[in-house]
Amino acid sequence: GRDKTNDVVVASTLASRVHARVVSREGNYFIADQSSNGTFVMVDGNAREVRLRREEALLGERGWIGLGKPASSHGAHVLRYRLERRSA
């Protein structure tokens, strides 16, 4: 979100102060929307973009996250992500 105390700060008026959280659970990563405008997730290799409204979704290995507007529309509200698995 926009708040400067966040781990990832997004300088976009479309992002809420604390827009979303990424959490680890049982070896997987999930994104949980906490915003007013919704969070959009587009996983690489999947043509369908998912809109979250106070919900959570499993993150794929790589993709795009749109804060407040679809990721497919590109702009300062969009984050590119890649999950890296660490071997034990």
C-alpha atoms as a PDB file:
ATOM      1  CA  GLY A   1       0.000   0.000   0.000  1.00  0.00           C
ATOM      2  CA  ARG A   2       0.890   3.682   0.160  1.00  0.00           C
ATOM      3  CA  ASP A   3       1.873   3.843   3.849  1.00  0.00           C
ATOM      4  CA  LYS A   4       5.633   4.398   4.215  1.00  0.00           C
ATOM      5  CA  THR A   5       5.849   1.798   7.002  1.00  0.00           C
ATOM      6  CA  ASN A   6       4.808  -1.041   4.651  1.00  0.00           C
ATOM      7  CA  ASP A   7       7.414  -3.565   3.474  1.00  0.00           C
ATOM      8  CA  VAL A   8       6.466  -2.659  -0.113  1.00  0.00           C
ATOM      9  CA  VAL A   9       5.387   0.941  -0.730  1.00  0.00           C
ATOM     10  CA  VAL A  10       3.342   1.673  -3.863  1.00  0.00           C
ATOM     11  CA  ALA A  11       3.161   5.333  -4.885  1.00  0.00           C
ATOM     12  CA  SER A  12      -0.259   5.208  -6.524  1.00  0.00           C
ATOM     13  CA  THR A  13      -3.497   6.901  -5.516  1.00  0.00           C
ATOM     14  CA  LEU A  14      -5.266   3.647  -6.461  1.00  0.00           C
ATOM     15  CA  ALA A  15      -3.538   1.838  -3.574  1.00  0.00           C
ATOM     16  CA  SER A  16      -4.970   1.979  -0.067  1.00  0.00           C
ATOM     17  CA  ARG A  17      -2.679   2.830   2.850  1.00  0.00           C
ATOM     18  CA  VAL A  18      -2.490  -0.855   3.803  1.00  0.00           C
ATOM     19  CA  HIS A  19      -3.769  -2.470   0.633  1.00  0.00           C
ATOM     20  CA  ALA A  20      -2.940  -6.174   0.893  1.00  0.00           C
ATOM     21  CA  ARG A  21      -0.791  -8.654   2.785  1.00  0.00           C
ATOM     22  CA  VAL A  22       1.194 -11.634   1.538  1.00  0.00           C
ATOM     23  CA  VAL A  23       1.207 -14.529   3.988  1.00  0.00           C
ATOM     24  CA  SER A  24       2.927 -17.911   4.030  1.00  0.00           C
ATOM     25  CA  ARG A  25       0.879 -20.931   5.023  1.00  0.00           C
ATOM     26  CA  GLU A  26       1.736 -24.635   4.665  1.00  0.00           C
ATOM     27  CA  GLY A  27       4.501 -23.968   2.145  1.00  0.00           C
ATOM     28  CA  ASN A  28       2.359 -21.730  -0.089  1.00  0.00           C
ATOM     29  CA  TYR A  29       1.981 -17.960  -0.404  1.00  0.00           C
ATOM     30  CA  PHE A  30      -1.352 -16.187  -0.394  1.00  0.00           C
ATOM     31  CA  ILE A  31      -2.318 -12.575  -1.006  1.00  0.00           C
ATOM     32  CA  ALA A  32      -5.104 -11.168   1.168  1.00  0.00           C
ATOM     33  CA  ASP A  33      -6.918  -8.013   0.042  1.00  0.00           C
ATOM     34  CA  GLN A  34      -7.515  -5.443   2.804  1.00  0.00           C
ATOM     35  CA  SER A  35      -8.492  -2.506   0.604  1.00  0.00           C
ATOM     36  CA  SER A  36     -11.525  -0.552  -0.488  1.00  0.00           C
ATOM     37  CA  ASN A  37     -10.769  -0.816  -4.217  1.00  0.00           C
ATOM     38  CA  GLY A  38      -9.803  -4.488  -4.504  1.00  0.00           C
ATOM     39  CA  THR A  39      -6.666  -6.348  -5.499  1.00  0.00           C
ATOM     40  CA  PHE A  40      -6.190  -7.988  -8.890  1.00  0.00           C
ATOM     41  CA  VAL A  41      -3.939 -11.016  -9.430  1.00  0.00           C
ATOM     42  CA  MET A  42      -2.771 -12.340 -12.782  1.00  0.00           C
ATOM     43  CA  VAL A  43      -0.563 -15.443 -12.603  1.00  0.00           C
ATOM     44  CA  ASP A  44       1.814 -16.016 -15.537  1.00  0.00           C
ATOM     45  CA  GLY A  45       0.439 -18.674 -17.871  1.00  0.00           C
ATOM     46  CA  ASN A  46      -3.167 -17.993 -16.862  1.00  0.00           C
ATOM     47  CA  ALA A  47      -5.199 -15.664 -19.098  1.00  0.00           C
ATOM     48  CA  ARG A  48      -7.769 -14.982 -16.373  1.00  0.00           C
ATOM     49  CA  GLU A  49      -7.199 -12.148 -13.898  1.00  0.00           C
ATOM     50  CA  VAL A  50      -8.771 -12.635 -10.456  1.00  0.00           C
ATOM     51  CA  ARG A  51     -10.321  -9.743  -8.516  1.00  0.00           C
ATOM     52  CA  LEU A  52     -10.198  -9.992  -4.734  1.00  0.00           C
ATOM     53  CA  ARG A  53     -12.486  -8.021  -2.433  1.00  0.00           C
ATOM     54  CA  ARG A  54     -11.640  -8.746   1.205  1.00  0.00           C
ATOM     55  CA  GLU A  55     -10.646 -12.254   0.058  1.00  0.00           C
ATOM     56  CA  GLU A  56      -7.408 -14.126  -0.458  1.00  0.00           C
ATOM     57  CA  ALA A  57      -5.887 -16.095  -3.319  1.00  0.00           C
ATOM     58  CA  LEU A  58      -3.011 -18.496  -3.798  1.00  0.00           C
ATOM     59  CA  LEU A  59      -0.080 -16.881  -5.607  1.00  0.00           C
ATOM     60  CA  GLY A  60       1.484 -18.777  -8.474  1.00  0.00           C
ATOM     61  CA  GLU A  61       5.228 -18.822  -9.098  1.00  0.00           C
ATOM     62  CA  ARG A  62       5.215 -15.550 -11.096  1.00  0.00           C
ATOM     63  CA  GLY A  63       2.697 -12.920 -12.023  1.00  0.00           C
ATOM     64  CA  TRP A  64       1.303  -9.436 -11.604  1.00  0.00           C
ATOM     65  CA  ILE A  65      -0.614  -7.734  -8.784  1.00  0.00           C
ATOM     66  CA  GLY A  66      -2.812  -4.705  -9.443  1.00  0.00           C
ATOM     67  CA  LEU A  67      -3.755  -2.483  -6.513  1.00  0.00           C
ATOM     68  CA  GLY A  68      -7.173  -0.892  -6.989  1.00  0.00           C
ATOM     69  CA  LYS A  69      -7.294  -1.499 -10.747  1.00  0.00           C
ATOM     70  CA  PRO A  70      -6.590  -4.503 -12.996  1.00  0.00           C
ATOM     71  CA  ALA A  71      -2.930  -5.422 -13.420  1.00  0.00           C
ATOM     72  CA  SER A  72      -3.563  -5.839 -17.144  1.00  0.00           C
ATOM     73  CA  SER A  73      -4.071  -2.055 -17.431  1.00  0.00           C
ATOM     74  CA  HIS A  74      -0.409  -1.460 -16.394  1.00  0.00           C
ATOM     75  CA  GLY A  75       0.805   1.608 -14.497  1.00  0.00           C
ATOM     76  CA  ALA A  76       2.210   2.656 -11.112  1.00  0.00           C
ATOM     77  CA  HIS A  77      -0.425   0.547  -9.298  1.00  0.00           C
ATOM     78  CA  VAL A  78       1.017  -2.728 -10.662  1.00  0.00           C
ATOM     79  CA  LEU A  79       3.638  -4.966  -9.060  1.00  0.00           C
ATOM     80  CA  ARG A  80       5.493  -7.810 -10.764  1.00  0.00           C
ATOM     81  CA  TYR A  81       6.277 -10.717  -8.431  1.00  0.00           C
ATOM     82  CA  ARG A  82       8.272 -13.951  -8.496  1.00  0.00           C
ATOM     83  CA  LEU A  83       8.326 -16.492  -5.683  1.00  0.00           C
ATOM     84  CA  GLU A  84      11.630 -18.188  -5.022  1.00  0.00           C
ATOM     85  CA  ARG A  85      11.618 -21.550  -3.285  1.00  0.00           C
ATOM     86  CA  ARG A  86      14.533 -22.055  -0.945  1.00  0.00           C
ATOM     87  CA  SER A  87      15.862 -25.533  -0.413  1.00  0.00           C
ATOM     88  CA  ALA A  88      16.161 -26.671   3.190  1.00  0.00           C
END
